[in-house]
Structure formats: structure tokens, C-alpha cells
């Protein structure tokens, strides 16, 4: 019996084992990321129906759909503890913002989405970064 066991008692075998737990804050962050992915998809669908920005060409709405799908895939990767998921979501969000800004559209939802992603979604993800593969 070692000196530590005499002082602290015997510890169970799984004491030092780190488990992939998904607390409510992590789940809320993933739900928020999924919501941010559905916004470009909704804008793309509304654009095809000529409700949103009726004078824009179709490729604009196709790119909105692609960015939204990439964000949803990034969210799924994040939920499954994949580092590529975080990178995919952040890259798609930045590309979406730059795409809108390059066309002169100052949509604040995408820029606010970046701030909320950094401030709200990354807060529960960063402590679990060692669990990501």
C-alpha cells in the first residue's frame, strides 16, 4: 500500500478516466450552432421564393444554402467531439460573413452570429478540447 492510499484511501479504477460527457451548456451551444446554420438555409429558401432580396441571382441563394449545410455539418461534428467540426463551422461562418460583406450586404445576423459563436458556443467547447479527436 502506497503512502497516498494510506492518506486518501483506495480510489476506484475509473477515477482518472476522462469520460465524454455532454453537459447542458455544451448541448445548448450545439443547438445554437445548429440554429445559426439554419439561418442561411432559410434565407436561401426565401430567396428562391422571391420573398427575400428578389433582385439577386440564383447563385447567391445557392451559396447561402451551401454555407448553411456546411454549418450544420460542423455542428454535427462538434456534437460528436470532432475538431474538424469546429473548424468547419467557424470557416463556413466566416466565409458567409465575408461573402455578404463583399456583395455590400451588411447583414448583422451573421456578424452577431460570429460574436455569439465566440462568446457563447466556444465557452463550453474549449474545456473539452482534449476530448476532441
Protein backbone atom coordinates (compact mmCIF):
# COMPACT_ATOMS: atom_id res chain seq x y z
CA UNK A 1 0.00 0.00 0.00
CA UNK A 2 1.47 3.35 -1.01
CA UNK A 3 1.63 6.44 1.14
CA UNK A 4 -1.15 8.16 -0.89
CA UNK A 5 -3.51 5.25 -0.36
CA UNK A 6 -2.92 5.37 3.36
CA UNK A 7 -3.82 9.06 3.48
CA UNK A 8 -6.64 9.31 0.93
CA UNK A 9 -7.94 5.76 0.81
CA UNK A 10 -8.26 3.49 -2.19
CA UNK A 11 -9.58 5.14 -5.35
CA UNK A 12 -11.75 3.33 -7.89
CA UNK A 13 -10.16 2.33 -11.20
CA UNK A 14 -12.20 4.80 -13.27
CA UNK A 15 -11.17 7.75 -11.06
CA UNK A 16 -8.62 9.08 -13.55
CA UNK A 17 -10.61 8.12 -16.62
CA UNK A 18 -12.00 11.09 -18.55
CA UNK A 19 -15.42 10.42 -20.00
CA UNK A 20 -17.08 12.22 -22.89
CA UNK A 21 -19.85 13.96 -21.01
CA UNK A 22 -22.15 16.42 -22.69
CA UNK A 23 -23.40 18.86 -20.08
CA UNK A 24 -26.41 21.11 -20.73
CA UNK A 25 -24.20 24.07 -21.64
CA UNK A 26 -22.48 22.03 -24.35
CA UNK A 27 -25.86 20.88 -25.70
CA UNK A 28 -27.15 24.47 -25.71
CA UNK A 29 -24.04 25.59 -27.60
CA UNK A 30 -24.64 22.86 -30.22
CA UNK A 31 -28.30 23.85 -30.51
CA UNK A 32 -27.26 27.47 -31.04
CA UNK A 33 -24.74 26.45 -33.69
CA UNK A 34 -27.43 24.44 -35.49
CA UNK A 35 -29.76 27.45 -35.33
CA UNK A 36 -27.02 29.60 -36.88
CA UNK A 37 -26.74 27.02 -39.66
CA UNK A 38 -30.46 27.11 -40.39
CA UNK A 39 -30.48 30.90 -40.91
CA UNK A 40 -28.64 30.83 -44.30
CA UNK A 41 -30.73 27.83 -45.35
CA UNK A 42 -33.92 29.74 -44.56
CA UNK A 43 -32.62 32.82 -46.39
CA UNK A 44 -31.77 30.67 -49.41
CA UNK A 45 -35.25 29.14 -49.48
CA UNK A 46 -36.91 32.55 -49.08
CA UNK A 47 -34.69 33.85 -51.87
CA UNK A 48 -35.79 31.12 -54.26
CA UNK A 49 -39.40 32.01 -53.44
CA UNK A 50 -38.54 35.68 -54.25
CA UNK A 51 -39.52 36.80 -50.74
CA UNK A 52 -36.04 37.78 -49.60
CA UNK A 53 -33.86 40.01 -51.80
CA UNK A 54 -35.89 39.42 -55.01
CA UNK A 55 -33.36 41.03 -57.37
CA UNK A 56 -30.47 38.71 -56.51
CA UNK A 57 -29.28 36.00 -58.89
CA UNK A 58 -29.87 32.34 -58.07
CA UNK A 59 -26.19 31.61 -57.34
CA UNK A 60 -26.44 33.93 -54.34
CA UNK A 61 -29.10 31.73 -52.77
CA UNK A 62 -27.31 28.53 -53.72
CA UNK A 63 -24.21 29.75 -51.87
CA UNK A 64 -26.39 30.61 -48.87
CA UNK A 65 -27.70 27.05 -48.86
CA UNK A 66 -24.18 25.62 -49.15
CA UNK A 67 -22.91 27.73 -46.23
CA UNK A 68 -25.88 26.67 -44.13
CA UNK A 69 -25.32 22.99 -44.87
CA UNK A 70 -21.62 23.32 -44.01
CA UNK A 71 -22.55 24.94 -40.70
CA UNK A 72 -24.97 22.12 -39.89
CA UNK A 73 -22.28 19.54 -40.71
CA UNK A 74 -19.84 21.45 -38.48
CA UNK A 75 -22.40 21.38 -35.68
CA UNK A 76 -22.80 17.62 -36.02
CA UNK A 77 -19.03 17.21 -35.93
CA UNK A 78 -18.82 19.36 -32.80
CA UNK A 79 -21.54 17.34 -31.11
CA UNK A 80 -19.56 14.16 -31.85
CA UNK A 81 -16.33 15.70 -30.46
CA UNK A 82 -14.55 16.15 -33.80
CA UNK A 83 -12.08 19.03 -34.17
CA UNK A 84 -12.93 19.25 -37.86
CA UNK A 85 -16.49 20.14 -36.88
CA UNK A 86 -15.42 23.29 -35.02
CA UNK A 87 -13.10 24.29 -37.84
CA UNK A 88 -15.79 23.62 -40.47
CA UNK A 89 -18.41 25.64 -38.61
CA UNK A 90 -16.09 28.59 -37.94
CA UNK A 91 -14.80 28.57 -41.53
CA UNK A 92 -18.29 28.44 -43.02
CA UNK A 93 -19.48 31.24 -40.73
CA UNK A 94 -16.52 33.45 -41.66
CA UNK A 95 -16.97 32.68 -45.35
CA UNK A 96 -20.66 33.55 -45.08
CA UNK A 97 -19.85 36.88 -43.43
CA UNK A 98 -17.16 37.74 -45.99
CA UNK A 99 -19.48 36.69 -48.82
CA UNK A 100 -22.22 39.03 -47.64
CA UNK A 101 -19.82 41.88 -46.94
CA UNK A 102 -18.17 41.53 -50.36
CA UNK A 103 -21.55 42.00 -52.01
CA UNK A 104 -22.20 45.09 -49.93
CA UNK A 105 -24.91 43.50 -47.82
CA UNK A 106 -24.46 44.50 -44.23
CA UNK A 107 -26.42 41.75 -42.57
CA UNK A 108 -25.93 41.99 -38.86
CA UNK A 109 -27.26 38.50 -38.11
CA UNK A 110 -24.13 36.84 -39.50
CA UNK A 111 -21.75 39.23 -37.74
CA UNK A 112 -23.64 38.91 -34.46
CA UNK A 113 -23.55 35.17 -35.03
CA UNK A 114 -19.76 35.32 -35.05
CA UNK A 115 -19.70 37.22 -31.77
CA UNK A 116 -22.14 34.81 -30.16
CA UNK A 117 -20.21 31.84 -31.53
CA UNK A 118 -17.01 33.11 -29.94
CA UNK A 119 -18.64 34.18 -26.69
CA UNK A 120 -21.32 31.57 -26.18
CA UNK A 121 -20.59 28.45 -28.19
CA UNK A 122 -16.85 28.21 -27.61
CA UNK A 123 -17.12 28.64 -23.83
CA UNK A 124 -18.32 25.06 -23.15
CA UNK A 125 -16.24 23.63 -26.02
CA UNK A 126 -12.77 24.87 -25.03
CA UNK A 127 -12.60 22.99 -21.67
CA UNK A 128 -13.42 19.76 -23.52
CA UNK A 129 -10.91 20.35 -26.33
CA UNK A 130 -8.74 17.46 -25.11
CA UNK A 131 -11.68 15.10 -25.73
CA UNK A 132 -11.98 16.14 -29.37
CA UNK A 133 -10.47 13.84 -31.96
